[in-house]
């Protein structure tokens, strides 16, 4: 039993000696991965944020393109409507000018007729 105790004690001493000689490497092997994980995580988070920012920019650009297309359609439609109205107004003006010309001719004819009747009578 004492032999077992000495063996266990000897193993513990060797373990303590190993740990004390290699404490820097042991701590480094535990801390270095944690530090690496921390900074890698921050880097990945920053990269994800940049990716999300680009997605939002692309969505904004798509929305802006859609808005521009909508406004262009509205303007085109408005232009067509006013062209039709303007065309109708020009047609109406032409009809009124023709009627005015015909009425002026009628007035002139009637004046001539009155003058002719006054000269005969």
PDB file of N, CA and C in Angstrom:
ATOM      1  N   UNK A   1       0.810  -1.171   0.000  1.00  0.00           N
ATOM      2  CA  UNK A   1       0.000   0.000   0.000  1.00  0.00           C
ATOM      3  C   UNK A   1       0.867   1.253   0.000  1.00  0.00           C
ATOM      4  N   UNK A   2       1.915   1.165   0.723  1.00  0.00           N
ATOM      5  CA  UNK A   2       2.827   2.288   0.745  1.00  0.00           C
ATOM      6  C   UNK A   2       3.481   2.458  -0.619  1.00  0.00           C
ATOM      7  N   UNK A   3       3.678   1.367  -1.309  1.00  0.00           N
ATOM      8  CA  UNK A   3       4.270   1.434  -2.648  1.00  0.00           C
ATOM      9  C   UNK A   3       3.298   2.154  -3.585  1.00  0.00           C
ATOM     10  N   UNK A   4       2.046   1.829  -3.419  1.00  0.00           N
ATOM     11  CA  UNK A   4       1.044   2.483  -4.264  1.00  0.00           C
ATOM     12  C   UNK A   4       1.000   3.981  -3.945  1.00  0.00           C
ATOM     13  N   UNK A   5       1.093   4.309  -2.690  1.00  0.00           N
ATOM     14  CA  UNK A   5       1.082   5.702  -2.282  1.00  0.00           C
ATOM     15  C   UNK A   5       2.271   6.430  -2.890  1.00  0.00           C
ATOM     16  N   UNK A   6       3.432   5.811  -2.840  1.00  0.00           N
ATOM     17  CA  UNK A   6       4.629   6.422  -3.406  1.00  0.00           C
ATOM     18  C   UNK A   6       4.495   6.581  -4.916  1.00  0.00           C
ATOM     19  N   UNK A   7       3.916   5.580  -5.560  1.00  0.00           N
ATOM     20  CA  UNK A   7       3.721   5.679  -7.009  1.00  0.00           C
ATOM     21  C   UNK A   7       2.758   6.823  -7.362  1.00  0.00           C
ATOM     22  N   UNK A   8       1.685   6.918  -6.631  1.00  0.00           N
ATOM     23  CA  UNK A   8       0.717   7.980  -6.875  1.00  0.00           C
ATOM     24  C   UNK A   8       1.350   9.329  -6.571  1.00  0.00           C
ATOM     25  N   UNK A   9       2.078   9.392  -5.472  1.00  0.00           N
ATOM     26  CA  UNK A   9       2.738  10.625  -5.083  1.00  0.00           C
ATOM     27  C   UNK A   9       3.775  11.008  -6.133  1.00  0.00           C
ATOM     28  N   UNK A  10       4.502  10.044  -6.636  1.00  0.00           N
ATOM     29  CA  UNK A  10       5.524  10.278  -7.665  1.00  0.00           C
ATOM     30  C   UNK A  10       4.857  10.805  -8.954  1.00  0.00           C
ATOM     31  N   UNK A  11       3.738  10.205  -9.307  1.00  0.00           N
ATOM     32  CA  UNK A  11       3.017  10.644 -10.508  1.00  0.00           C
ATOM     33  C   UNK A  11       2.513  12.081 -10.331  1.00  0.00           C
ATOM     34  N   UNK A  12       2.057  12.386  -9.120  1.00  0.00           N
ATOM     35  CA  UNK A  12       1.559  13.735  -8.860  1.00  0.00           C
ATOM     36  C   UNK A  12       2.693  14.744  -8.940  1.00  0.00           C
ATOM     37  N   UNK A  13       3.854  14.377  -8.423  1.00  0.00           N
ATOM     38  CA  UNK A  13       5.006  15.266  -8.489  1.00  0.00           C
ATOM     39  C   UNK A  13       5.428  15.506  -9.935  1.00  0.00           C
ATOM     40  N   UNK A  14       5.429  14.428 -10.709  1.00  0.00           N
ATOM     41  CA  UNK A  14       5.775  14.564 -12.127  1.00  0.00           C
ATOM     42  C   UNK A  14       4.755  15.463 -12.845  1.00  0.00           C
ATOM     43  N   UNK A  15       3.493  15.289 -12.500  1.00  0.00           N
ATOM     44  CA  UNK A  15       2.436  16.089 -13.107  1.00  0.00           C
ATOM     45  C   UNK A  15       2.603  17.557 -12.736  1.00  0.00           C
ATOM     46  N   UNK A  16       2.887  17.837 -11.459  1.00  0.00           N
ATOM     47  CA  UNK A  16       3.089  19.205 -11.010  1.00  0.00           C
ATOM     48  C   UNK A  16       4.295  19.827 -11.703  1.00  0.00           C
ATOM     49  N   UNK A  17       5.368  19.048 -11.839  1.00  0.00           N
ATOM     50  CA  UNK A  17       6.580  19.528 -12.497  1.00  0.00           C
ATOM     51  C   UNK A  17       6.265  19.835 -13.971  1.00  0.00           C
ATOM     52  N   UNK A  18       5.527  18.943 -14.616  1.00  0.00           N
ATOM     53  CA  UNK A  18       5.164  19.138 -16.017  1.00  0.00           C
ATOM     54  C   UNK A  18       4.322  20.403 -16.186  1.00  0.00           C
ATOM     55  N   UNK A  19       3.363  20.551 -15.265  1.00  0.00           N
ATOM     56  CA  UNK A  19       2.486  21.721 -15.339  1.00  0.00           C
ATOM     57  C   UNK A  19       3.276  22.989 -15.086  1.00  0.00           C
ATOM     58  N   UNK A  20       4.131  22.997 -14.081  1.00  0.00           N
ATOM     59  CA  UNK A  20       4.892  24.208 -13.753  1.00  0.00           C
ATOM     60  C   UNK A  20       5.863  24.559 -14.868  1.00  0.00           C
ATOM     61  N   UNK A  21       6.440  23.566 -15.543  1.00  0.00           N
ATOM     62  CA  UNK A  21       7.363  23.839 -16.641  1.00  0.00           C
ATOM     63  C   UNK A  21       6.625  24.315 -17.908  1.00  0.00           C
ATOM     64  N   UNK A  22       5.406  23.864 -18.067  1.00  0.00           N
ATOM     65  CA  UNK A  22       4.669  24.154 -19.311  1.00  0.00           C
ATOM     66  C   UNK A  22       3.427  25.011 -19.090  1.00  0.00           C
ATOM     67  N   UNK A  23       3.375  25.730 -17.988  1.00  0.00           N
ATOM     68  CA  UNK A  23       2.197  26.519 -17.653  1.00  0.00           C
ATOM     69  C   UNK A  23       1.886  27.557 -18.718  1.00  0.00           C
ATOM     70  N   UNK A  24       2.914  28.188 -19.267  1.00  0.00           N
ATOM     71  CA  UNK A  24       2.705  29.214 -20.298  1.00  0.00           C
ATOM     72  C   UNK A  24       2.070  28.588 -21.531  1.00  0.00           C
ATOM     73  N   UNK A  25       2.552  27.428 -21.928  1.00  0.00           N
ATOM     74  CA  UNK A  25       1.999  26.758 -23.108  1.00  0.00           C
ATOM     75  C   UNK A  25       0.570  26.279 -22.855  1.00  0.00           C
ATOM     76  N   UNK A  26       0.334  25.812 -21.627  1.00  0.00           N
ATOM     77  CA  UNK A  26      -1.014  25.338 -21.302  1.00  0.00           C
ATOM     78  C   UNK A  26      -1.996  26.497 -21.307  1.00  0.00           C
ATOM     79  N   UNK A  27      -1.617  27.575 -20.630  1.00  0.00           N
ATOM     80  CA  UNK A  27      -2.497  28.747 -20.600  1.00  0.00           C
ATOM     81  C   UNK A  27      -2.668  29.308 -22.009  1.00  0.00           C
ATOM     82  N   UNK A  28      -1.595  29.391 -22.749  1.00  0.00           N
ATOM     83  CA  UNK A  28      -1.655  29.900 -24.129  1.00  0.00           C
ATOM     84  C   UNK A  28      -2.559  29.048 -25.002  1.00  0.00           C
ATOM     85  N   UNK A  29      -2.478  27.740 -24.813  1.00  0.00           N
ATOM     86  CA  UNK A  29      -3.317  26.869 -25.644  1.00  0.00           C
ATOM     87  C   UNK A  29      -4.787  26.970 -25.262  1.00  0.00           C
ATOM     88  N   UNK A  30      -5.081  27.464 -24.061  1.00  0.00           N
ATOM     89  CA  UNK A  30      -6.465  27.667 -23.669  1.00  0.00           C
ATOM     90  C   UNK A  30      -6.968  29.071 -24.035  1.00  0.00           C
ATOM     91  N   UNK A  31      -6.107  30.064 -23.864  1.00  0.00           N
ATOM     92  CA  UNK A  31      -6.519  31.447 -24.075  1.00  0.00           C
ATOM     93  C   UNK A  31      -6.490  31.827 -25.554  1.00  0.00           C
ATOM     94  N   UNK A  32      -5.488  31.371 -26.277  1.00  0.00           N
ATOM     95  CA  UNK A  32      -5.347  31.748 -27.688  1.00  0.00           C
ATOM     96  C   UNK A  32      -6.577  31.389 -28.520  1.00  0.00           C
ATOM     97  N   UNK A  33      -7.117  30.185 -28.392  1.00  0.00           N
ATOM     98  CA  UNK A  33      -8.334  29.895 -29.167  1.00  0.00           C
ATOM     99  C   UNK A  33      -9.517  30.786 -28.777  1.00  0.00           C
ATOM    100  N   UNK A  34      -9.608  31.130 -27.483  1.00  0.00           N
ATOM    101  CA  UNK A  34     -10.705  31.998 -27.043  1.00  0.00           C
ATOM    102  C   UNK A  34     -10.554  33.389 -27.650  1.00  0.00           C
ATOM    103  N   UNK A  35      -9.347  33.908 -27.658  1.00  0.00           N
ATOM    104  CA  UNK A  35      -9.093  35.226 -28.248  1.00  0.00           C
ATOM    105  C   UNK A  35      -9.363  35.181 -29.751  1.00  0.00           C
ATOM    106  N   UNK A  36      -8.870  34.132 -30.383  1.00  0.00           N
ATOM    107  CA  UNK A  36      -9.097  33.977 -31.826  1.00  0.00           C
ATOM    108  C   UNK A  36     -10.582  33.896 -32.125  1.00  0.00           C
ATOM    109  N   UNK A  37     -11.326  33.131 -31.353  1.00  0.00           N
ATOM    110  CA  UNK A  37     -12.770  33.014 -31.541  1.00  0.00           C
ATOM    111  C   UNK A  37     -13.451  34.372 -31.392  1.00  0.00           C
ATOM    112  N   UNK A  38     -13.041  35.125 -30.355  1.00  0.00           N
ATOM    113  CA  UNK A  38     -13.651  36.423 -30.091  1.00  0.00           C
ATOM    114  C   UNK A  38     -13.467  37.375 -31.266  1.00  0.00           C
ATOM    115  N   UNK A  39     -12.224  37.516 -31.743  1.00  0.00           N
ATOM    116  CA  UNK A  39     -11.966  38.451 -32.833  1.00  0.00           C
ATOM    117  C   UNK A  39     -12.543  37.956 -34.164  1.00  0.00           C
ATOM    118  N   UNK A  40     -12.536  36.664 -34.366  1.00  0.00           N
ATOM    119  CA  UNK A  40     -13.131  36.114 -35.585  1.00  0.00           C
ATOM    120  C   UNK A  40     -14.635  36.350 -35.580  1.00  0.00           C
ATOM    121  N   UNK A  41     -15.243  36.196 -34.429  1.00  0.00           N
ATOM    122  CA  UNK A  41     -16.683  36.433 -34.310  1.00  0.00           C
ATOM    123  C   UNK A  41     -17.007  37.886 -34.613  1.00  0.00           C
ATOM    124  N   UNK A  42     -16.215  38.800 -34.093  1.00  0.00           N
ATOM    125  CA  UNK A  42     -16.439  40.225 -34.359  1.00  0.00           C
ATOM    126  C   UNK A  42     -16.259  40.529 -35.837  1.00  0.00           C
ATOM    127  N   UNK A  43     -15.247  39.930 -36.431  1.00  0.00           N
ATOM    128  CA  UNK A  43     -15.002  40.131 -37.857  1.00  0.00           C
ATOM    129  C   UNK A  43     -16.182  39.595 -38.682  1.00  0.00           C
ATOM    130  N   UNK A  44     -16.665  38.426 -38.309  1.00  0.00           N
ATOM    131  CA  UNK A  44     -17.796  37.834 -39.035  1.00  0.00           C
ATOM    132  C   UNK A  44     -19.066  38.665 -38.856  1.00  0.00           C
ATOM    133  N   UNK A  45     -19.255  39.201 -37.653  1.00  0.00           N
ATOM    134  CA  UNK A  45     -20.413  40.063 -37.423  1.00  0.00           C
ATOM    135  C   UNK A  45     -20.334  41.315 -38.293  1.00  0.00           C
ATOM    136  N   UNK A  46     -19.137  41.892 -38.377  1.00  0.00           N
ATOM    137  CA  UNK A  46     -18.964  43.080 -39.215  1.00  0.00           C
ATOM    138  C   UNK A  46     -19.237  42.733 -40.677  1.00  0.00           C
ATOM    139  N   UNK A  47     -18.778  41.587 -41.106  1.00  0.00           N
ATOM    140  CA  UNK A  47     -19.003  41.150 -42.486  1.00  0.00           C
ATOM    141  C   UNK A  47     -20.498  40.927 -42.745  1.00  0.00           C
ATOM    142  N   UNK A  48     -21.194  40.344 -41.774  1.00  0.00           N
ATOM    143  CA  UNK A  48     -22.639  40.135 -41.908  1.00  0.00           C
ATOM    144  C   UNK A  48     -23.373  41.474 -41.995  1.00  0.00           C
ATOM    145  N   UNK A  49     -22.944  42.445 -41.182  1.00  0.00           N
ATOM    146  CA  UNK A  49     -23.569  43.766 -41.224  1.00  0.00           C
ATOM    147  C   UNK A  49     -23.354  44.419 -42.586  1.00  0.00           C
ATOM    148  N   UNK A  50     -22.151  44.292 -43.131  1.00  0.00           N
ATOM    149  CA  UNK A  50     -21.888  44.840 -44.457  1.00  0.00           C
ATOM    150  C   UNK A  50     -22.773  44.168 -45.492  1.00  0.00           C
ATOM    151  N   UNK A  51     -22.921  42.872 -45.377  1.00  0.00           N
ATOM    152  CA  UNK A  51     -23.766  42.132 -46.310  1.00  0.00           C
ATOM    153  C   UNK A  51     -25.213  42.596 -46.213  1.00  0.00           C
ATOM    154  N   UNK A  52     -25.696  42.772 -44.980  1.00  0.00           N
ATOM    155  CA  UNK A  52     -27.074  43.244 -44.785  1.00  0.00           C
ATOM    156  C   UNK A  52     -27.238  44.659 -45.304  1.00  0.00           C
ATOM    157  N   UNK A  53     -26.221  45.507 -45.101  1.00  0.00           N
ATOM    158  CA  UNK A  53     -26.273  46.865 -45.628  1.00  0.00           C
ATOM    159  C   UNK A  53     -26.383  46.852 -47.155  1.00  0.00           C
ATOM    160  N   UNK A  54     -25.613  45.987 -47.790  1.00  0.00           N
ATOM    161  CA  UNK A  54     -25.677  45.896 -49.254  1.00  0.00           C
ATOM    162  C   UNK A  54     -27.038  45.387 -49.708  1.00  0.00           C
ATOM    163  N   UNK A  55     -27.595  44.426 -48.981  1.00  0.00           N
ATOM    164  CA  UNK A  55     -28.933  43.930 -49.319  1.00  0.00           C
ATOM    165  C   UNK A  55     -29.959  45.058 -49.223  1.00  0.00           C
ATOM    166  N   UNK A  56     -29.855  45.855 -48.144  1.00  0.00           N
ATOM    167  CA  UNK A  56     -30.788  46.968 -47.974  1.00  0.00           C
ATOM    168  C   UNK A  56     -30.615  48.008 -49.080  1.00  0.00           C
ATOM    169  N   UNK A  57     -29.360  48.277 -49.442  1.00  0.00           N
ATOM    170  CA  UNK A  57     -29.106  49.221 -50.531  1.00  0.00           C
ATOM    171  C   UNK A  57     -29.714  48.704 -51.828  1.00  0.00           C
ATOM    172  N   UNK A  58     -29.545  47.415 -52.095  1.00  0.00           N
ATOM    173  CA  UNK A  58     -30.109  46.829 -53.315  1.00  0.00           C
ATOM    174  C   UNK A  58     -31.632  46.905 -53.296  1.00  0.00           C
ATOM    175  N   UNK A  59     -32.235  46.623 -52.123  1.00  0.00           N
ATOM    176  CA  UNK A  59     -33.689  46.722 -52.017  1.00  0.00           C
ATOM    177  C   UNK A  59     -34.143  48.159 -52.229  1.00  0.00           C
ATOM    178  N   UNK A  60     -33.412  49.103 -51.633  1.00  0.00           N
ATOM    179  CA  UNK A  60     -33.752  50.516 -51.817  1.00  0.00           C
ATOM    180  C   UNK A  60     -33.658  50.910 -53.286  1.00  0.00           C
ATOM    181  N   UNK A  61     -32.611  50.438 -53.950  1.00  0.00           N
ATOM    182  CA  UNK A  61     -32.447  50.755 -55.367  1.00  0.00           C
ATOM    183  C   UNK A  61     -33.576  50.139 -56.189  1.00  0.00           C
ATOM    184  N   UNK A  62     -33.980  48.926 -55.851  1.00  0.00           N
ATOM    185  CA  UNK A  62     -35.096  48.294 -56.560  1.00  0.00           C
ATOM    186  C   UNK A  62     -36.391  49.079 -56.354  1.00  0.00           C
ATOM    187  N   UNK A  63     -36.624  49.490 -55.115  1.00  0.00           N
ATOM    188  CA  UNK A  63     -37.818  50.273 -54.814  1.00  0.00           C
ATOM    189  C   UNK A  63     -37.780  51.602 -55.573  1.00  0.00           C
ATOM    190  N   UNK A  64     -36.609  52.236 -55.603  1.00  0.00           N
ATOM    191  CA  UNK A  64     -36.480  53.494 -56.332  1.00  0.00           C
ATOM    192  C   UNK A  64     -36.739  53.289 -57.825  1.00  0.00           C
ATOM    193  N   UNK A  65     -36.218  52.198 -58.379  1.00  0.00           N
ATOM    194  CA  UNK A  65     -36.464  51.904 -59.802  1.00  0.00           C
ATOM    195  C   UNK A  65     -37.958  51.704 -60.054  1.00  0.00           C
ATOM    196  N   UNK A  66     -38.611  50.982 -59.154  1.00  0.00           N
ATOM    197  CA  UNK A  66     -40.049  50.759 -59.298  1.00  0.00           C
ATOM    198  C   UNK A  66     -40.817  52.071 -59.204  1.00  0.00           C
ATOM    199  N   UNK A  67     -40.415  52.932 -58.272  1.00  0.00           N
ATOM    200  CA  UNK A  67     -41.068  54.235 -58.134  1.00  0.00           C
ATOM    201  C   UNK A  67     -40.866  55.081 -59.382  1.00  0.00           C
ATOM    202  N   UNK A  68     -39.666  55.064 -59.905  1.00  0.00           N
ATOM    203  CA  UNK A  68     -39.379  55.837 -61.115  1.00  0.00           C
ATOM    204  C   UNK A  68     -40.219  55.314 -62.277  1.00  0.00           C
ATOM    205  N   UNK A  69     -40.311  54.008 -62.407  1.00  0.00           N
ATOM    206  CA  UNK A  69     -41.122  53.427 -63.480  1.00  0.00           C
ATOM    207  C   UNK A  69     -42.593  53.809 -63.297  1.00  0.00           C
ATOM    208  N   UNK A  70     -43.074  53.778 -62.071  1.00  0.00           N
ATOM    209  CA  UNK A  70     -44.463  54.162 -61.792  1.00  0.00           C
ATOM    210  C   UNK A  70     -44.701  55.620 -62.150  1.00  0.00           C
ATOM    211  N   UNK A  71     -43.807  56.507 -61.723  1.00  0.00           N
ATOM    212  CA  UNK A  71     -43.958  57.923 -62.040  1.00  0.00           C
ATOM    213  C   UNK A  71     -43.881  58.159 -63.551  1.00  0.00           C
ATOM    214  N   UNK A  72     -43.004  57.428 -64.216  1.00  0.00           N
ATOM    215  CA  UNK A  72     -42.895  57.568 -65.667  1.00  0.00           C
ATOM    216  C   UNK A  72     -44.194  57.138 -66.346  1.00  0.00           C
ATOM    217  N   UNK A  73     -44.780  56.044 -65.870  1.00  0.00           N
ATOM    218  CA  UNK A  73     -46.067  55.597 -66.416  1.00  0.00           C
ATOM    219  C   UNK A  73     -47.155  56.647 -66.180  1.00  0.00           C
ATOM    220  N   UNK A  74     -47.163  57.220 -64.974  1.00  0.00           N
ATOM    221  CA  UNK A  74     -48.145  58.263 -64.674  1.00  0.00           C
ATOM    222  C   UNK A  74     -47.969  59.472 -65.584  1.00  0.00           C
ATOM    223  N   UNK A  75     -46.726  59.872 -65.786  1.00  0.00           N
ATOM    224  CA  UNK A  75     -46.467  61.016 -66.664  1.00  0.00           C
ATOM    225  C   UNK A  75     -46.860  60.715 -68.109  1.00  0.00           C
ATOM    226  N   UNK A  76     -46.549  59.509 -68.559  1.00  0.00           N
ATOM    227  CA  UNK A  76     -46.922  59.130 -69.925  1.00  0.00           C
ATOM    228  C   UNK A  76     -48.434  59.138 -70.090  1.00  0.00           C
ATOM    229  N   UNK A  77     -49.128  58.588 -69.101  1.00  0.00           N
ATOM    230  CA  UNK A  77     -50.590  58.557 -69.148  1.00  0.00           C
ATOM    231  C   UNK A  77     -51.154  59.978 -69.136  1.00  0.00           C
ATOM    232  N   UNK A  78     -50.599  60.823 -68.286  1.00  0.00           N
ATOM    233  CA  UNK A  78     -51.042  62.207 -68.207  1.00  0.00           C
ATOM    234  C   UNK A  78     -50.819  62.923 -69.532  1.00  0.00           C
ATOM    235  N   UNK A  79     -49.677  62.685 -70.137  1.00  0.00           N
ATOM    236  CA  UNK A  79     -49.358  63.298 -71.427  1.00  0.00           C
ATOM    237  C   UNK A  79     -50.364  62.849 -72.495  1.00  0.00           C
ATOM    238  N   UNK A  80     -50.687  61.569 -72.524  1.00  0.00           N
ATOM    239  CA  UNK A  80     -51.665  61.058 -73.497  1.00  0.00           C
ATOM    240  C   UNK A  80     -53.030  61.692 -73.278  1.00  0.00           C
ATOM    241  N   UNK A  81     -53.439  61.811 -72.017  1.00  0.00           N
ATOM    242  CA  UNK A  81     -54.739  62.414 -71.708  1.00  0.00           C
ATOM    243  C   UNK A  81     -54.808  63.851 -72.210  1.00  0.00           C
ATOM    244  N   UNK A  82     -53.738  64.618 -71.934  1.00  0.00           N
ATOM    245  CA  UNK A  82     -53.752  66.015 -72.355  1.00  0.00           C
ATOM    246  C   UNK A  82     -53.639  66.148 -73.868  1.00  0.00           C
ATOM    247  N   UNK A  83     -52.942  65.235 -74.502  1.00  0.00           N
ATOM    248  CA  UNK A  83     -52.897  65.262 -75.961  1.00  0.00           C
ATOM    249  C   UNK A  83     -54.289  65.040 -76.541  1.00  0.00           C
ATOM    250  N   UNK A  84     -55.036  64.102 -75.977  1.00  0.00           N
ATOM    251  CA  UNK A  84     -56.400  63.831 -76.442  1.00  0.00           C
ATOM    252  C   UNK A  84     -57.284  65.049 -76.200  1.00  0.00           C
ATOM    253  N   UNK A  85     -57.219  65.632 -75.004  1.00  0.00           N
ATOM    254  CA  UNK A  85     -58.032  66.816 -74.700  1.00  0.00           C
ATOM    255  C   UNK A  85     -57.659  67.982 -75.610  1.00  0.00           C
ATOM    256  N   UNK A  86     -56.369  68.172 -75.799  1.00  0.00           N
ATOM    257  CA  UNK A  86     -55.904  69.261 -76.640  1.00  0.00           C
ATOM    258  C   UNK A  86     -56.355  69.051 -78.082  1.00  0.00           C
ATOM    259  N   UNK A  87     -56.290  67.836 -78.540  1.00  0.00           N
ATOM    260  CA  UNK A  87     -56.750  67.517 -79.898  1.00  0.00           C
ATOM    261  C   UNK A  87     -58.237  67.818 -80.038  1.00  0.00           C
ATOM    262  N   UNK A  88     -59.033  67.453 -79.048  1.00  0.00           N
ATOM    263  CA  UNK A  88     -60.472  67.748 -79.076  1.00  0.00           C
ATOM    264  C   UNK A  88     -60.731  69.253 -79.071  1.00  0.00           C
ATOM    265  N   UNK A  89     -59.952  69.972 -78.256  1.00  0.00           N
ATOM    266  CA  UNK A  89     -60.128  71.430 -78.210  1.00  0.00           C
ATOM    267  C   UNK A  89     -59.768  72.067 -79.547  1.00  0.00           C
ATOM    268  N   UNK A  90     -58.691  71.624 -80.179  1.00  0.00           N
ATOM    269  CA  UNK A  90     -58.324  72.148 -81.493  1.00  0.00           C
ATOM    270  C   UNK A  90     -59.414  71.853 -82.522  1.00  0.00           C
ATOM    271  N   UNK A  91     -59.991  70.673 -82.422  1.00  0.00           N
ATOM    272  CA  UNK A  91     -61.075  70.302 -83.338  1.00  0.00           C
ATOM    273  C   UNK A  91     -62.295  71.194 -83.110  1.00  0.00           C
ATOM    274  N   UNK A  92     -62.596  71.442 -81.838  1.00  0.00           N
ATOM    275  CA  UNK A  92     -63.725  72.308 -81.515  1.00  0.00           C
ATOM    276  C   UNK A  92     -63.472  73.735 -82.005  1.00  0.00           C
ATOM    277  N   UNK A  93     -62.256  74.208 -81.826  1.00  0.00           N
ATOM    278  CA  UNK A  93     -61.904  75.552 -82.309  1.00  0.00           C
ATOM    279  C   UNK A  93     -62.066  75.627 -83.824  1.00  0.00           C
ATOM    280  N   UNK A  94     -61.608  74.611 -84.518  1.00  0.00           N
ATOM    281  CA  UNK A  94     -61.736  74.574 -85.979  1.00  0.00           C
ATOM    282  C   UNK A  94     -63.206  74.599 -86.388  1.00  0.00           C
ATOM    283  N   UNK A  95     -64.067  73.813 -85.711  1.00  0.00           N
ATOM    284  CA  UNK A  95     -65.499  73.808 -86.001  1.00  0.00           C
ATOM    285  C   UNK A  95     -66.116  75.183 -85.757  1.00  0.00           C
ATOM    286  N   UNK A  96     -65.726  75.813 -84.632  1.00  0.00           N
ATOM    287  CA  UNK A  96     -66.259  77.141 -84.319  1.00  0.00           C
ATOM    288  C   UNK A  96     -65.789  78.179 -85.336  1.00  0.00           C
ATOM    289  N   UNK A  97     -64.539  78.077 -85.776  1.00  0.00           N
ATOM    290  CA  UNK A  97     -64.040  78.998 -86.798  1.00  0.00           C
ATOM    291  C   UNK A  97     -64.818  78.827 -88.101  1.00  0.00           C
ATOM    292  N   UNK A  98     -65.083  77.560 -88.462  1.00  0.00           N
ATOM    293  CA  UNK A  98     -65.851  77.299 -89.683  1.00  0.00           C
ATOM    294  C   UNK A  98     -67.273  77.878 -89.560  1.00  0.00           C
ATOM    295  N   UNK A  99     -67.915  77.662 -88.394  1.00  0.00           N
ATOM    296  CA  UNK A  99     -69.256  78.211 -88.174  1.00  0.00           C
ATOM    297  C   UNK A  99     -69.231  79.738 -88.214  1.00  0.00           C
ATOM    298  N   UNK A 100     -68.198  80.322 -87.593  1.00  0.00           N
ATOM    299  CA  UNK A 100     -68.047  81.776 -87.574  1.00  0.00           C
ATOM    300  C   UNK A 100     -67.889  82.307 -88.999  1.00  0.00           C
ATOM    301  N   UNK A 101     -67.068  81.624 -89.780  1.00  0.00           N
ATOM    302  CA  UNK A 101     -66.864  82.040 -91.164  1.00  0.00           C
ATOM    303  C   UNK A 101     -68.182  81.942 -91.937  1.00  0.00           C
ATOM    304  N   UNK A 102     -68.901  80.833 -91.744  1.00  0.00           N
ATOM    305  CA  UNK A 102     -70.195  80.659 -92.434  1.00  0.00           C
ATOM    306  C   UNK A 102     -71.182  81.734 -92.009  1.00  0.00           C
ATOM    307  N   UNK A 103     -71.224  82.074 -90.713  1.00  0.00           N
ATOM    308  CA  UNK A 103     -72.133  83.118 -90.229  1.00  0.00           C
ATOM    309  C   UNK A 103     -71.744  84.487 -90.776  1.00  0.00           C
ATOM    310  N   UNK A 104     -70.446  84.763 -90.853  1.00  0.00           N
ATOM    311  CA  UNK A 104     -69.989  86.041 -91.430  1.00  0.00           C
ATOM    312  C   UNK A 104     -70.397  86.132 -92.898  1.00  0.00           C
ATOM    313  N   UNK A 105     -70.287  85.031 -93.600  1.00  0.00           N
ATOM    314  CA  UNK A 105     -70.712  85.013 -95.010  1.00  0.00           C
ATOM    315  C   UNK A 105     -72.214  85.261 -95.105  1.00  0.00           C
ATOM    316  N   UNK A 106     -72.981  84.652 -94.181  1.00  0.00           N
ATOM    317  CA  UNK A 106     -74.436  84.838 -94.162  1.00  0.00           C
ATOM    318  C   UNK A 106     -74.787  86.294 -93.863  1.00  0.00           C
ATOM    319  N   UNK A 107     -74.085  86.895 -92.898  1.00  0.00           N
ATOM    320  CA  UNK A 107     -74.312  88.310 -92.552  1.00  0.00           C
ATOM    321  C   UNK A 107     -74.005  89.187 -93.762  1.00  0.00           C
ATOM    322  N   UNK A 108     -72.893  88.913 -94.428  1.00  0.00           N
ATOM    323  CA  UNK A 108     -72.493  89.691 -95.606  1.00  0.00           C
ATOM    324  C   UNK A 108     -73.550  89.558 -96.713  1.00  0.00           C
ATOM    325  N   UNK A 109     -74.037  88.329 -96.909  1.00  0.00           N
ATOM    326  CA  UNK A 109     -75.046  88.090 -97.945  1.00  0.00           C
ATOM    327  C   UNK A 109     -76.336  88.844 -97.608  1.00  0.00           C
ATOM    328  N   UNK A 110     -76.713  88.814 -96.324  1.00  0.00           N
ATOM    329  CA  UNK A 110     -77.937  89.501 -95.909  1.00  0.00           C
ATOM    330  C   UNK A 110     -77.793  91.019 -96.022  1.00  0.00           C
ATOM    331  N   UNK A 111     -76.610  91.547 -95.689  1.00  0.00           N
ATOM    332  CA  UNK A 111     -76.368  92.991 -95.820  1.00  0.00           C
ATOM    333  C   UNK A 111     -76.489  93.395 -97.287  1.00  0.00           C
ATOM    334  N   UNK A 112     -75.890  92.578 -98.137  1.00  0.00           N
ATOM    335  CA  UNK A 112     -75.966  92.871 -99.575  1.00  0.00           C
ATOM    336  C   UNK A 112     -77.414  92.840-100.052  1.00  0.00           C
ATOM    337  N   UNK A 113     -78.178  91.894 -99.552  1.00  0.00           N
ATOM    338  CA  UNK A 113     -79.588  91.759 -99.919  1.00  0.00           C
ATOM    339  C   UNK A 113     -80.394  92.974 -99.442  1.00  0.00           C
ATOM    340  N   UNK A 114     -80.104  93.444 -98.216  1.00  0.00           N
ATOM    341  CA  UNK A 114     -80.794  94.612 -97.667  1.00  0.00           C
ATOM    342  C   UNK A 114     -80.451  95.843 -98.512  1.00  0.00           C
ATOM    343  N   UNK A 115     -79.168  95.996 -98.822  1.00  0.00           N
ATOM    344  CA  UNK A 115     -78.746  97.154 -99.623  1.00  0.00           C
ATOM    345  C   UNK A 115     -79.408  97.084-101.007  1.00  0.00           C
ATOM    346  N   UNK A 116     -79.482  95.951-101.572  1.00  0.00           N
ATOM    347  CA  UNK A 116     -80.106  95.768-102.887  1.00  0.00           C
ATOM    348  C   UNK A 116     -81.599  96.098-102.829  1.00  0.00           C
ATOM    349  N   UNK A 117     -82.284  95.676-101.758  1.00  0.00           N
ATOM    350  CA  UNK A 117     -83.711  95.955-101.591  1.00  0.00           C
ATOM    351  C   UNK A 117     -83.948  97.439-101.348  1.00  0.00           C
ATOM    352  N   UNK A 118     -83.060  98.130-100.662  1.00  0.00           N
ATOM    353  CA  UNK A 118     -83.194  99.553-100.397  1.00  0.00           C
ATOM    354  C   UNK A 118     -82.992 100.342-101.702  1.00  0.00           C
ATOM    355  N   UNK A 119     -82.089  99.894-102.519  1.00  0.00           N
ATOM    356  CA  UNK A 119     -81.834 100.556-103.790  1.00  0.00           C
ATOM    357  C   UNK A 119     -82.998 100.336-104.759  1.00  0.00           C
ATOM    358  N   UNK A 120     -83.689  99.251-104.683  1.00  0.00           N
ATOM    359  CA  UNK A 120     -84.823  98.924-105.562  1.00  0.00           C
ATOM    360  C   UNK A 120     -86.104  99.543-105.047  1.00  0.00           C
ATOM    361  N   UNK A 121     -86.222  99.867-103.903  1.00  0.00           N
ATOM    362  CA  UNK A 121     -87.466 100.232-103.291  1.00  0.00           C
ATOM    363  C   UNK A 121     -87.735 101.615-103.051  1.00  0.00           C
TER     364      UNK A 121
END
